[in-house]
């Protein structure tokens, strides 16, 4: 980010770390599988990442993939249930 953009706000330009698609996707799968409580941001981010390309075979163990899929599905069911409760 150019200095000129943040200078009027007396801020330093932010430092943004990023990694390529495959490692980012793998990290999100592990995050989704490993959290005690599913975070919506993990489901959202993983949906965006998988929309850009599939997860490579063997890059994440099957049990971790399954746990992530179950956590993502559970979050969708919980969101749907909460939405239904709000509507009633």
N, C-alpha and C. Protein backbone atom coordinates (compact mmCIF):
# COMPACT_ATOMS: atom_id res chain seq x y z
N UNK A 1 0.86 -1.17 0.00
CA UNK A 1 0.00 0.00 0.00
C UNK A 1 0.90 1.23 0.00
N UNK A 2 0.66 2.14 -0.92
CA UNK A 2 1.50 3.34 -0.98
C UNK A 2 1.34 4.23 0.26
N UNK A 3 2.46 4.82 0.67
CA UNK A 3 2.47 5.72 1.83
C UNK A 3 1.45 6.85 1.68
N UNK A 4 1.26 7.32 0.45
CA UNK A 4 0.36 8.46 0.22
C UNK A 4 -1.07 8.16 0.66
N UNK A 5 -1.47 6.91 0.61
CA UNK A 5 -2.83 6.55 0.98
C UNK A 5 -3.08 6.64 2.49
N UNK A 6 -2.08 6.31 3.27
CA UNK A 6 -2.27 6.27 4.72
C UNK A 6 -1.72 7.49 5.44
N UNK A 7 -0.90 8.26 4.76
CA UNK A 7 -0.29 9.44 5.39
C UNK A 7 -1.31 10.41 5.98
N UNK A 8 -2.42 10.73 5.30
CA UNK A 8 -3.40 11.65 5.88
C UNK A 8 -4.00 11.16 7.20
N UNK A 9 -3.89 9.87 7.45
CA UNK A 9 -4.47 9.29 8.67
C UNK A 9 -3.42 9.05 9.75
N UNK A 10 -2.20 9.51 9.51
CA UNK A 10 -1.09 9.35 10.45
C UNK A 10 -0.88 7.88 10.79
N UNK A 11 -0.97 7.05 9.75
CA UNK A 11 -0.79 5.62 9.93
C UNK A 11 0.37 5.12 9.06
N UNK A 12 0.89 3.99 9.46
CA UNK A 12 1.88 3.31 8.63
C UNK A 12 1.15 2.36 7.69
N UNK A 13 1.71 2.11 6.52
CA UNK A 13 1.08 1.13 5.63
C UNK A 13 1.03 -0.24 6.29
N UNK A 14 -0.08 -0.94 6.16
CA UNK A 14 -0.15 -2.27 6.80
C UNK A 14 0.74 -3.27 6.08
N UNK A 15 1.22 -4.20 6.85
CA UNK A 15 2.00 -5.30 6.29
C UNK A 15 1.05 -6.49 6.18
N UNK A 16 0.85 -6.98 4.99
CA UNK A 16 -0.08 -8.07 4.77
C UNK A 16 0.70 -9.31 4.35
N UNK A 17 0.53 -10.37 5.13
CA UNK A 17 1.17 -11.63 4.79
C UNK A 17 0.19 -12.46 3.98
N UNK A 18 0.69 -13.16 3.02
CA UNK A 18 -0.17 -14.04 2.24
C UNK A 18 0.63 -15.26 1.80
N UNK A 19 -0.10 -16.29 1.49
CA UNK A 19 0.55 -17.48 0.97
C UNK A 19 -0.24 -17.95 -0.25
N UNK A 20 0.32 -18.89 -0.95
CA UNK A 20 -0.32 -19.35 -2.18
C UNK A 20 -1.58 -20.15 -1.86
N UNK A 21 -2.33 -20.46 -2.88
CA UNK A 21 -3.64 -21.09 -2.74
C UNK A 21 -3.61 -22.41 -1.97
N UNK A 22 -2.74 -23.31 -2.35
CA UNK A 22 -2.73 -24.64 -1.72
C UNK A 22 -2.45 -24.57 -0.21
N UNK A 23 -1.40 -23.89 0.24
CA UNK A 23 -1.17 -23.82 1.69
C UNK A 23 -2.30 -23.10 2.44
N UNK A 24 -2.85 -22.07 1.84
CA UNK A 24 -3.95 -21.35 2.50
C UNK A 24 -5.16 -22.26 2.68
N UNK A 25 -5.46 -23.04 1.65
CA UNK A 25 -6.60 -23.96 1.72
C UNK A 25 -6.35 -25.03 2.76
N UNK A 26 -5.16 -25.59 2.77
CA UNK A 26 -4.82 -26.62 3.76
C UNK A 26 -4.92 -26.07 5.17
N UNK A 27 -4.43 -24.85 5.40
CA UNK A 27 -4.51 -24.24 6.73
C UNK A 27 -5.96 -24.06 7.18
N UNK A 28 -6.82 -23.66 6.26
CA UNK A 28 -8.23 -23.47 6.62
C UNK A 28 -8.92 -24.79 6.93
N UNK A 29 -8.56 -25.86 6.21
CA UNK A 29 -9.14 -27.17 6.50
C UNK A 29 -8.74 -27.59 7.92
N UNK A 30 -7.47 -27.44 8.25
CA UNK A 30 -7.00 -27.78 9.59
C UNK A 30 -7.68 -26.91 10.65
N UNK A 31 -7.84 -25.63 10.37
CA UNK A 31 -8.48 -24.73 11.32
C UNK A 31 -9.93 -25.15 11.56
N UNK A 32 -10.63 -25.43 10.48
CA UNK A 32 -12.03 -25.83 10.60
C UNK A 32 -12.17 -27.15 11.35
N UNK A 33 -11.28 -28.08 11.07
CA UNK A 33 -11.33 -29.39 11.73
C UNK A 33 -10.91 -29.32 13.19
N UNK A 34 -10.02 -28.40 13.52
CA UNK A 34 -9.42 -28.41 14.84
C UNK A 34 -10.01 -27.48 15.88
N UNK A 35 -10.90 -26.60 15.49
CA UNK A 35 -11.45 -25.66 16.47
C UNK A 35 -12.52 -26.34 17.31
N UNK A 36 -12.56 -26.02 18.61
CA UNK A 36 -13.63 -26.59 19.45
C UNK A 36 -15.01 -26.04 19.05
N UNK A 37 -15.03 -24.84 18.51
CA UNK A 37 -16.28 -24.25 18.05
C UNK A 37 -16.05 -23.71 16.64
N UNK A 38 -16.90 -24.10 15.72
CA UNK A 38 -16.75 -23.68 14.33
C UNK A 38 -16.87 -22.18 14.20
N UNK A 39 -15.95 -21.59 13.45
CA UNK A 39 -15.97 -20.16 13.18
C UNK A 39 -16.50 -19.95 11.76
N UNK A 40 -17.47 -19.06 11.63
CA UNK A 40 -18.06 -18.79 10.32
C UNK A 40 -17.00 -18.34 9.32
N UNK A 41 -16.00 -17.62 9.79
CA UNK A 41 -14.97 -17.13 8.87
C UNK A 41 -14.22 -18.28 8.21
N UNK A 42 -14.03 -19.40 8.93
CA UNK A 42 -13.35 -20.55 8.34
C UNK A 42 -14.17 -21.16 7.21
N UNK A 43 -15.48 -21.28 7.44
CA UNK A 43 -16.37 -21.83 6.41
C UNK A 43 -16.39 -20.91 5.20
N UNK A 44 -16.52 -19.62 5.45
CA UNK A 44 -16.55 -18.63 4.36
C UNK A 44 -15.24 -18.64 3.58
N UNK A 45 -14.12 -18.57 4.29
CA UNK A 45 -12.81 -18.54 3.63
C UNK A 45 -12.57 -19.82 2.83
N UNK A 46 -12.92 -20.95 3.42
CA UNK A 46 -12.70 -22.21 2.73
C UNK A 46 -13.57 -22.32 1.48
N UNK A 47 -14.77 -21.82 1.54
CA UNK A 47 -15.64 -21.80 0.36
C UNK A 47 -14.99 -20.98 -0.75
N UNK A 48 -14.47 -19.81 -0.40
CA UNK A 48 -13.80 -18.98 -1.40
C UNK A 48 -12.55 -19.67 -1.97
N UNK A 49 -11.76 -20.24 -1.10
CA UNK A 49 -10.53 -20.90 -1.54
C UNK A 49 -10.82 -22.10 -2.44
N UNK A 50 -11.77 -22.93 -2.04
CA UNK A 50 -12.09 -24.10 -2.85
C UNK A 50 -12.75 -23.72 -4.17
N UNK A 51 -13.36 -22.54 -4.22
CA UNK A 51 -13.90 -22.03 -5.47
C UNK A 51 -12.81 -21.67 -6.46
N UNK A 52 -11.61 -21.46 -5.97
CA UNK A 52 -10.47 -21.10 -6.84
C UNK A 52 -9.69 -22.33 -7.28
N UNK A 53 -9.88 -23.45 -6.59
CA UNK A 53 -9.18 -24.66 -6.97
C UNK A 53 -9.35 -25.75 -5.93
N UNK A 54 -9.35 -26.99 -6.37
CA UNK A 54 -9.57 -28.10 -5.42
C UNK A 54 -8.36 -28.33 -4.51
N UNK A 55 -8.62 -28.98 -3.43
CA UNK A 55 -7.57 -29.40 -2.51
C UNK A 55 -6.86 -30.60 -3.13
N UNK A 56 -5.56 -30.57 -3.16
CA UNK A 56 -4.79 -31.65 -3.78
C UNK A 56 -4.97 -32.95 -3.00
N UNK A 57 -5.11 -34.05 -3.73
CA UNK A 57 -5.23 -35.36 -3.09
C UNK A 57 -4.03 -35.62 -2.20
N UNK A 58 -4.29 -36.08 -1.00
CA UNK A 58 -3.22 -36.44 -0.08
C UNK A 58 -2.59 -35.28 0.66
N UNK A 59 -3.03 -34.04 0.37
CA UNK A 59 -2.41 -32.90 1.04
C UNK A 59 -2.88 -32.76 2.49
N UNK A 60 -4.07 -33.28 2.77
CA UNK A 60 -4.63 -33.27 4.12
C UNK A 60 -5.19 -34.67 4.38
N UNK A 61 -4.85 -35.27 5.52
CA UNK A 61 -5.34 -36.62 5.81
C UNK A 61 -6.87 -36.71 5.76
N UNK A 62 -7.36 -37.88 5.38
CA UNK A 62 -8.80 -38.09 5.22
C UNK A 62 -9.58 -37.79 6.50
N UNK A 63 -9.03 -38.14 7.67
CA UNK A 63 -9.75 -37.89 8.91
C UNK A 63 -9.89 -36.40 9.20
N UNK A 64 -8.89 -35.63 8.81
CA UNK A 64 -8.95 -34.17 9.00
C UNK A 64 -9.97 -33.58 8.03
N UNK A 65 -9.96 -34.05 6.78
CA UNK A 65 -10.95 -33.59 5.79
C UNK A 65 -12.37 -33.88 6.28
N UNK A 66 -12.56 -35.09 6.82
CA UNK A 66 -13.88 -35.49 7.30
C UNK A 66 -14.32 -34.61 8.47
N UNK A 67 -13.41 -34.35 9.41
CA UNK A 67 -13.74 -33.49 10.56
C UNK A 67 -14.09 -32.08 10.11
N UNK A 68 -13.36 -31.57 9.12
CA UNK A 68 -13.64 -30.24 8.60
C UNK A 68 -15.01 -30.21 7.91
N UNK A 69 -15.29 -31.24 7.14
CA UNK A 69 -16.58 -31.31 6.45
C UNK A 69 -17.73 -31.38 7.45
N UNK A 70 -17.56 -32.17 8.50
CA UNK A 70 -18.60 -32.27 9.52
C UNK A 70 -18.79 -30.96 10.26
N UNK A 71 -17.70 -30.27 10.57
CA UNK A 71 -17.80 -28.97 11.25
C UNK A 71 -18.49 -27.95 10.36
N UNK A 72 -18.15 -27.93 9.08
CA UNK A 72 -18.79 -27.01 8.14
C UNK A 72 -20.26 -27.30 8.00
N UNK A 73 -20.61 -28.58 7.90
CA UNK A 73 -22.02 -28.96 7.77
C UNK A 73 -22.79 -28.60 9.04
N UNK A 74 -22.19 -28.87 10.20
CA UNK A 74 -22.84 -28.54 11.47
C UNK A 74 -23.09 -27.05 11.58
N UNK A 75 -22.15 -26.24 11.11
CA UNK A 75 -22.33 -24.79 11.20
C UNK A 75 -23.49 -24.35 10.31
N UNK A 76 -23.66 -25.00 9.15
CA UNK A 76 -24.76 -24.66 8.25
C UNK A 76 -26.10 -25.06 8.87
N UNK A 77 -26.13 -26.24 9.50
CA UNK A 77 -27.36 -26.70 10.15
C UNK A 77 -27.72 -25.77 11.31
N UNK A 78 -26.72 -25.41 12.10
CA UNK A 78 -26.96 -24.51 13.24
C UNK A 78 -27.44 -23.14 12.76
N UNK A 79 -26.85 -22.63 11.69
CA UNK A 79 -27.26 -21.33 11.16
C UNK A 79 -28.69 -21.40 10.65
N UNK A 80 -29.02 -22.49 9.98
CA UNK A 80 -30.37 -22.67 9.45
C UNK A 80 -31.38 -22.75 10.59
N UNK A 81 -31.03 -23.48 11.64
CA UNK A 81 -31.91 -23.62 12.80
C UNK A 81 -32.10 -22.26 13.48
N UNK A 82 -31.01 -21.52 13.65
CA UNK A 82 -31.11 -20.20 14.29
C UNK A 82 -31.96 -19.27 13.44
N UNK A 83 -31.80 -19.34 12.13
CA UNK A 83 -32.62 -18.50 11.23
C UNK A 83 -34.09 -18.84 11.38
N UNK A 84 -34.39 -20.15 11.46
CA UNK A 84 -35.79 -20.57 11.64
C UNK A 84 -36.36 -20.07 12.95
N UNK A 85 -35.55 -20.08 14.01
CA UNK A 85 -36.01 -19.57 15.30
C UNK A 85 -36.26 -18.07 15.23
N UNK A 86 -35.44 -17.36 14.50
CA UNK A 86 -35.62 -15.90 14.36
C UNK A 86 -36.90 -15.57 13.62
N UNK A 87 -37.25 -16.40 12.65
CA UNK A 87 -38.45 -16.13 11.84
C UNK A 87 -39.72 -16.44 12.60
N UNK A 88 -39.67 -17.31 13.61
CA UNK A 88 -40.91 -17.68 14.31
C UNK A 88 -41.26 -16.73 15.43
